[in-house]
N, C-alpha and C. Protein backbone atom coordinates (compact mmCIF):
# COMPACT_ATOMS: atom_id res chain seq x y z
N MET A 1 26.59 2.01 -2.24
CA MET A 1 26.82 3.16 -2.34
C MET A 1 25.21 4.11 -1.46
N GLN A 2 25.71 4.54 -1.08
CA GLN A 2 24.32 5.42 -0.34
C GLN A 2 24.26 6.73 -0.63
N HIS A 3 22.94 7.28 -0.64
CA HIS A 3 22.50 8.37 -1.20
C HIS A 3 21.47 9.24 -1.11
N ARG A 4 21.61 10.38 -0.29
CA ARG A 4 21.05 11.04 0.50
C ARG A 4 19.30 11.48 -0.49
N ILE A 5 18.16 10.87 -0.10
CA ILE A 5 16.96 11.29 -0.53
C ILE A 5 16.16 12.49 0.11
N LEU A 6 16.01 13.46 -0.45
CA LEU A 6 15.43 14.03 0.12
C LEU A 6 13.76 14.78 -0.70
N THR A 7 13.83 14.10 -1.62
CA THR A 7 12.15 14.40 -2.74
C THR A 7 12.00 13.17 -3.21
N VAL A 8 10.87 12.89 -4.31
CA VAL A 8 10.32 12.02 -4.68
C VAL A 8 10.95 11.94 -5.30
N GLN A 9 11.35 13.17 -6.30
CA GLN A 9 11.76 13.22 -7.57
C GLN A 9 13.44 12.54 -7.51
N ASP A 10 15.00 12.61 -6.50
CA ASP A 10 15.57 11.88 -5.79
C ASP A 10 15.48 10.80 -6.09
N LEU A 11 14.16 9.69 -5.47
CA LEU A 11 14.30 8.84 -5.22
C LEU A 11 13.85 7.90 -6.77
N GLY A 12 13.17 8.46 -7.38
CA GLY A 12 12.84 8.55 -8.56
C GLY A 12 14.08 8.57 -9.56
N ALA A 13 15.40 9.00 -10.09
CA ALA A 13 16.15 9.32 -10.20
C ALA A 13 17.13 8.12 -9.73
N LEU A 14 17.44 8.01 -8.92
CA LEU A 14 18.28 7.08 -8.16
C LEU A 14 17.61 5.54 -8.57
N LEU A 15 16.62 5.38 -8.59
CA LEU A 15 15.40 3.81 -9.26
C LEU A 15 15.69 3.83 -10.83
N ARG A 16 15.58 4.81 -11.43
CA ARG A 16 15.90 4.61 -12.92
C ARG A 16 17.35 4.50 -12.99
N ALA A 17 18.43 5.05 -12.15
CA ALA A 17 19.31 4.79 -12.68
C ALA A 17 20.35 3.56 -12.14
N THR A 18 18.89 2.70 -10.97
CA THR A 18 19.20 1.40 -10.96
C THR A 18 19.02 0.24 -11.78
N ARG A 19 18.08 0.50 -12.19
CA ARG A 19 16.86 -0.27 -13.86
C ARG A 19 17.82 -0.54 -14.37
N LYS A 20 18.38 0.86 -15.08
CA LYS A 20 19.27 0.24 -15.93
C LYS A 20 20.51 -0.15 -16.29
N SER A 21 21.31 0.20 -15.24
CA SER A 21 22.13 -0.39 -15.37
C SER A 21 21.89 -1.86 -14.40
N ALA A 22 21.08 -2.84 -14.18
CA ALA A 22 20.99 -4.20 -13.82
C ALA A 22 20.00 -4.18 -15.67
N HIS A 23 20.17 -3.24 -16.67
CA HIS A 23 19.61 -3.35 -18.01
C HIS A 23 18.36 -4.19 -17.97
N LEU A 24 17.33 -3.87 -17.26
CA LEU A 24 16.31 -3.63 -17.03
C LEU A 24 15.45 -3.30 -17.95
N ARG A 25 14.16 -3.47 -18.49
CA ARG A 25 13.17 -2.79 -19.00
C ARG A 25 11.54 -2.18 -17.93
N MET A 26 11.57 -0.96 -18.48
CA MET A 26 10.61 -0.70 -17.18
C MET A 26 9.28 -1.59 -17.29
N ASP A 27 8.81 -2.21 -17.80
CA ASP A 27 7.80 -3.37 -18.42
C ASP A 27 7.98 -4.26 -17.31
N ASP A 28 9.35 -4.92 -17.42
CA ASP A 28 10.23 -6.12 -17.02
C ASP A 28 9.95 -5.47 -15.68
N LEU A 29 10.71 -5.21 -15.27
CA LEU A 29 10.62 -4.39 -13.66
C LEU A 29 9.16 -4.24 -13.24
N ALA A 30 8.58 -3.99 -13.88
CA ALA A 30 7.07 -3.59 -13.65
C ALA A 30 6.31 -5.09 -13.10
N ALA A 31 6.60 -6.19 -14.31
CA ALA A 31 6.02 -7.32 -14.41
C ALA A 31 6.51 -8.27 -13.22
N THR A 32 7.98 -8.05 -12.73
CA THR A 32 8.59 -8.91 -11.96
C THR A 32 8.22 -8.59 -10.31
N SER A 33 7.19 -6.99 -10.17
CA SER A 33 7.31 -6.39 -9.17
C SER A 33 6.12 -6.52 -8.71
N GLY A 34 4.90 -7.35 -10.34
CA GLY A 34 3.58 -7.21 -9.31
C GLY A 34 2.93 -5.91 -10.03
N LEU A 35 3.63 -5.09 -10.45
CA LEU A 35 2.55 -4.06 -10.40
C LEU A 35 2.42 -3.20 -12.22
N SER A 36 2.32 -2.36 -12.01
CA SER A 36 1.59 -1.58 -13.21
C SER A 36 2.72 -0.83 -13.70
N LYS A 37 3.49 -1.34 -15.52
CA LYS A 37 4.12 -0.30 -16.04
C LYS A 37 4.12 1.58 -15.60
N GLN A 38 3.04 1.68 -16.02
CA GLN A 38 2.39 3.11 -14.98
C GLN A 38 2.88 3.64 -13.92
N PHE A 39 2.67 2.70 -13.09
CA PHE A 39 3.46 3.20 -11.49
C PHE A 39 5.09 3.22 -11.43
N VAL A 40 5.77 2.09 -12.08
CA VAL A 40 7.26 2.64 -12.33
C VAL A 40 7.41 3.40 -13.39
N ASN A 41 6.43 3.84 -14.30
CA ASN A 41 6.79 5.64 -14.80
C ASN A 41 6.74 6.51 -13.53
N ASP A 42 5.60 6.10 -13.05
CA ASP A 42 5.45 7.61 -11.99
C ASP A 42 6.67 7.38 -11.13
N LEU A 43 6.68 6.47 -10.64
CA LEU A 43 8.02 6.71 -9.38
C LEU A 43 9.13 6.75 -9.78
N GLU A 44 9.62 6.56 -11.19
CA GLU A 44 10.78 6.96 -12.00
C GLU A 44 10.89 8.94 -12.14
N LEU A 45 9.60 9.22 -13.05
CA LEU A 45 9.60 10.76 -13.00
C LEU A 45 8.98 11.68 -11.69
N GLY A 46 8.96 10.98 -10.31
CA GLY A 46 8.91 11.70 -9.26
C GLY A 46 7.43 12.04 -8.94
N LYS A 47 6.21 11.31 -9.48
CA LYS A 47 5.00 11.68 -8.64
C LYS A 47 4.77 11.28 -7.78
N PRO A 48 4.88 12.95 -7.24
CA PRO A 48 4.33 12.52 -5.29
C PRO A 48 3.44 11.51 -4.58
N GLY A 49 2.57 10.96 -5.43
CA GLY A 49 1.78 10.71 -4.43
C GLY A 49 1.72 8.59 -4.65
N VAL A 50 3.05 8.27 -5.05
CA VAL A 50 3.23 6.97 -5.10
C VAL A 50 2.96 6.04 -3.83
N GLN A 51 2.58 5.03 -3.63
CA GLN A 51 2.69 4.39 -2.26
C GLN A 51 3.69 3.93 -1.94
N LEU A 52 3.87 3.73 -0.67
CA LEU A 52 5.31 3.29 -0.45
C LEU A 52 5.06 2.29 -0.05
N GLY A 53 4.02 1.18 0.17
CA GLY A 53 4.19 -0.24 0.18
C GLY A 53 4.84 -0.48 -1.49
N LYS A 54 4.00 -0.10 -2.53
CA LYS A 54 4.71 -0.63 -3.84
C LYS A 54 6.41 0.25 -4.50
N VAL A 55 6.30 1.36 -3.67
CA VAL A 55 7.58 2.07 -3.46
C VAL A 55 8.70 0.41 -3.32
N LEU A 56 8.74 0.43 -1.96
CA LEU A 56 9.50 -0.79 -1.55
C LEU A 56 9.62 -2.28 -2.22
N GLN A 57 8.07 -2.25 -2.96
CA GLN A 57 8.33 -3.91 -3.54
C GLN A 57 8.75 -3.71 -5.11
N VAL A 58 9.21 -2.01 -5.45
CA VAL A 58 10.35 -1.95 -6.38
C VAL A 58 12.14 -2.19 -5.86
N LEU A 59 12.03 -1.16 -4.65
CA LEU A 59 12.76 -1.85 -4.46
C LEU A 59 13.36 -2.93 -4.10
N HIS A 60 13.14 -3.55 -3.45
CA HIS A 60 13.10 -4.97 -3.52
C HIS A 60 13.26 -6.23 -4.52
N GLU A 61 12.88 -6.14 -5.62
CA GLU A 61 13.34 -6.49 -6.72
C GLU A 61 14.13 -5.75 -7.91
N LEU A 62 14.41 -4.58 -7.13
CA LEU A 62 16.24 -4.07 -7.89
C LEU A 62 17.31 -4.51 -7.07
N GLY A 63 16.88 -5.22 -5.84
CA GLY A 63 17.79 -5.72 -4.32
C GLY A 63 18.24 -3.90 -4.10
N ALA A 64 17.92 -2.73 -4.47
CA ALA A 64 18.09 -2.26 -3.05
C ALA A 64 17.40 -1.68 -1.17
N HIS A 65 18.13 -1.58 -0.60
CA HIS A 65 17.54 -1.62 0.76
C HIS A 65 17.73 -0.35 1.14
N VAL A 66 16.40 -0.09 2.23
CA VAL A 66 16.52 1.44 2.86
C VAL A 66 16.43 1.11 3.95
N TYR A 67 17.28 1.94 4.62
CA TYR A 67 17.39 2.26 6.54
C TYR A 67 17.12 3.73 6.33
N LEU A 68 16.72 4.20 7.77
CA LEU A 68 16.07 5.04 8.41
C LEU A 68 17.02 6.20 9.40
N ASP A 69 17.65 7.36 9.54
CA ASP A 69 18.33 7.27 10.14
C ASP A 69 17.71 8.08 11.00
N VAL A 70 17.38 7.59 12.51
CA VAL A 70 16.70 8.03 13.56
C VAL A 70 17.47 8.30 14.65
N PRO A 71 17.03 9.64 15.54
CA PRO A 71 17.90 9.88 16.76
C PRO A 71 17.80 8.74 17.50
N ASP A 72 18.34 8.59 18.62
CA ASP A 72 19.26 7.52 19.58
C ASP A 72 17.40 7.33 19.97
N ALA A 73 17.01 8.42 20.69
CA ALA A 73 15.85 8.43 21.79
C ALA A 73 14.76 7.58 21.04
N ALA A 74 14.90 7.51 19.75
CA ALA A 74 13.71 6.94 19.27
C ALA A 74 13.93 4.95 19.32
N ALA A 75 15.63 5.06 19.88
CA ALA A 75 15.31 3.30 19.56
C ALA A 75 13.88 3.07 20.87
N ALA A 76 14.89 3.97 21.91
CA ALA A 76 13.83 3.16 23.07
C ALA A 76 12.75 2.64 22.70
N GLN A 77 12.27 3.48 22.42
CA GLN A 77 10.84 3.54 22.04
C GLN A 77 10.04 2.13 20.68
N LEU A 78 11.46 2.03 19.97
CA LEU A 78 11.24 0.78 18.68
C LEU A 78 10.14 -0.07 19.15
N ALA A 79 11.11 -0.63 20.36
CA ALA A 79 10.44 -2.17 20.46
C ALA A 79 8.36 -2.36 21.04
N HIS A 80 8.43 -0.88 21.91
CA HIS A 80 7.03 -1.20 22.64
C HIS A 80 6.44 -0.71 21.08
N ALA A 81 6.85 0.67 20.16
CA ALA A 81 5.16 0.83 18.59
C ALA A 81 5.12 -0.66 18.49
N SER A 82 6.03 -1.76 18.25
CA SER A 82 6.32 -2.92 17.54
C SER A 82 5.01 -3.70 17.60
N THR A 83 5.53 -3.52 19.57
CA THR A 83 4.24 -4.73 20.04
C THR A 83 2.73 -4.06 19.78
N LEU A 84 2.91 -2.64 19.90
CA LEU A 84 2.10 -2.11 19.65
C LEU A 84 0.89 -2.46 18.72
N ILE A 85 2.22 -2.02 17.49
CA ILE A 85 1.63 -2.55 16.08
C ILE A 85 1.55 -3.72 15.75
N GLY A 86 1.72 -4.83 16.22
CA GLY A 86 1.86 -6.34 16.04
C GLY A 86 0.37 -7.05 16.85
N LYS A 87 0.08 -5.72 17.64
CA LYS A 87 -1.33 -6.67 18.36
C LYS A 87 -2.24 -5.51 17.71
N THR A 88 -2.25 -4.38 17.10
CA THR A 88 -3.22 -4.08 16.30
C THR A 88 -3.54 -5.21 15.01
N THR A 89 -2.62 -5.07 14.60
CA THR A 89 -2.68 -5.55 12.95
C THR A 89 -3.21 -7.38 13.62
N ALA A 90 -3.04 -7.44 14.48
CA ALA A 90 -3.59 -9.05 15.07
C ALA A 90 -4.84 -8.81 14.93
N ARG A 91 -5.73 -8.05 15.98
CA ARG A 91 -7.06 -8.10 16.85
C ARG A 91 -7.31 -7.53 14.89
N ARG A 92 -6.96 -6.50 14.57
CA ARG A 92 -6.98 -6.65 12.78
C ARG A 92 -7.90 -7.51 12.15
N GLN A 93 -6.93 -8.22 11.54
CA GLN A 93 -6.99 -9.88 11.33
C GLN A 93 -8.06 -10.62 11.50
N ALA A 94 -8.38 -10.60 13.22
CA ALA A 94 -8.98 -11.69 14.05
C ALA A 94 -10.95 -10.95 13.61
N ARG A 95 -10.90 -9.38 13.32
CA ARG A 95 -11.72 -9.16 13.54
C ARG A 95 -11.94 -9.76 11.71
N ALA A 96 -11.35 -9.28 10.73
CA ALA A 96 -12.12 -9.70 9.63
C ALA A 96 -12.40 -10.82 9.19
N GLN A 97 -11.94 -11.93 9.66
CA GLN A 97 -12.03 -13.69 9.94
C GLN A 97 -13.14 -13.65 10.58
N ALA A 98 -13.51 -13.02 11.66
CA ALA A 98 -14.78 -13.24 12.32
C ALA A 98 -16.10 -13.11 11.70
N PRO A 99 -16.83 -14.76 11.91
CA PRO A 99 -18.41 -14.21 10.54
C PRO A 99 -19.22 -13.44 11.23
N MET A 100 -20.10 -12.46 10.29
CA MET A 100 -21.15 -11.85 11.27
C MET A 100 -21.94 -12.00 11.64
N PRO A 101 -22.65 -11.27 12.56
CA PRO A 101 -22.73 -11.35 13.26
C PRO A 101 -24.30 -10.99 12.90
N ALA A 102 -25.73 -12.45 12.75
CA ALA A 102 -26.64 -12.66 12.36
C ALA A 102 -27.78 -11.23 12.50
N ALA A 103 -28.11 -10.08 11.50
CA ALA A 103 -28.84 -8.68 11.71
C ALA A 103 -29.93 -9.04 12.38
N LYS A 104 -30.33 -8.00 13.23
CA LYS A 104 -31.45 -7.97 13.80
C LYS A 104 -32.56 -7.73 13.36
N PRO A 105 -34.00 -8.15 13.27
CA PRO A 105 -35.31 -8.08 12.53
C PRO A 105 -35.05 -6.87 11.64
N ALA A 106 -35.09 -5.89 12.81
CA ALA A 106 -35.72 -4.07 12.01
C ALA A 106 -34.49 -3.97 11.63
N LEU A 107 -33.42 -4.34 11.47
CA LEU A 107 -32.74 -4.09 10.71
C LEU A 107 -32.43 -4.59 9.64
N GLN A 108 -32.93 -5.88 9.54
CA GLN A 108 -33.06 -7.01 8.24
C GLN A 108 -33.81 -5.87 7.30
N GLN A 109 -35.45 -5.26 8.01
CA GLN A 109 -36.05 -4.78 7.55
C GLN A 109 -36.02 -3.64 6.55
N ALA A 110 -34.96 -2.59 7.76
CA ALA A 110 -34.59 -1.47 6.69
C ALA A 110 -33.36 -1.99 5.54
N ILE A 111 -33.19 -2.94 5.66
CA ILE A 111 -31.99 -2.84 4.04
C ILE A 111 -32.26 -3.94 2.68
N ALA A 112 -34.08 -4.47 3.21
CA ALA A 112 -34.42 -5.50 2.39
C ALA A 112 -34.68 -4.24 1.46
N PRO A 113 -34.49 -4.96 0.56
CA PRO A 113 -34.46 -5.30 -1.38
C PRO A 113 -36.67 -4.17 -1.68
N ARG A 114 -36.31 -3.41 -1.94
CA ARG A 114 -37.44 -2.80 -1.91
C ARG A 114 -38.26 -2.79 -3.26
N PRO A 115 -39.24 -3.11 -3.59
CA PRO A 115 -40.31 -2.94 -4.77
C PRO A 115 -39.62 -1.91 -5.83
N ARG A 116 -39.72 -2.22 -7.22
CA ARG A 116 -39.33 -1.06 -7.79
C ARG A 116 -40.38 -0.45 -8.50
N ARG A 117 -40.23 1.06 -8.69
CA ARG A 117 -40.93 1.62 -9.08
C ARG A 117 -41.04 1.40 -10.96
N THR A 118 -42.58 1.66 -11.20
CA THR A 118 -42.75 1.25 -12.95
C THR A 118 -43.29 2.23 -13.36
N GLY A 119 -43.44 3.94 -12.80
CA GLY A 119 -44.32 4.80 -13.04
C GLY A 119 -45.44 4.67 -13.32
N LYS A 120 -46.20 3.41 -13.36
CA LYS A 120 -47.63 3.34 -13.02
C LYS A 120 -48.50 3.52 -11.95
N PRO A 121 -49.19 4.13 -11.29
CA PRO A 121 -50.47 4.08 -9.93
C PRO A 121 -50.85 2.80 -9.80
N ALA A 122 -50.54 2.83 -8.54
CA ALA A 122 -50.57 1.92 -8.08
C ALA A 122 -52.51 1.46 -7.98
N PRO A 123 -52.95 0.17 -7.82
CA PRO A 123 -54.17 0.32 -8.42
C PRO A 123 -55.40 0.33 -7.13
């Protein structure tokens, strides 16, 4: 069954109905999704600041699927966009795993810990 989602509240109501129809308690859904009960509660109540990645985790756990109906012109750009995003992600991951270069001596001095002040005047 398909439903049009226009607001976060629409999505929350639909997720709550899906959870209830599966006879799942909110805390059980949260645990199996790897999320907090508070997040699932916020989502069901339609809180506007919920994170999309976490929403998708809950949807997956409930067996719900998301489809996006886009204009046909977007289909031509999809392969190109996916390639660019894949390259960018790979570059970021490689950069995150690369060892940090040694700091230059001047920089090491700038970030070296400074002695604590004791409140006593220097002799």
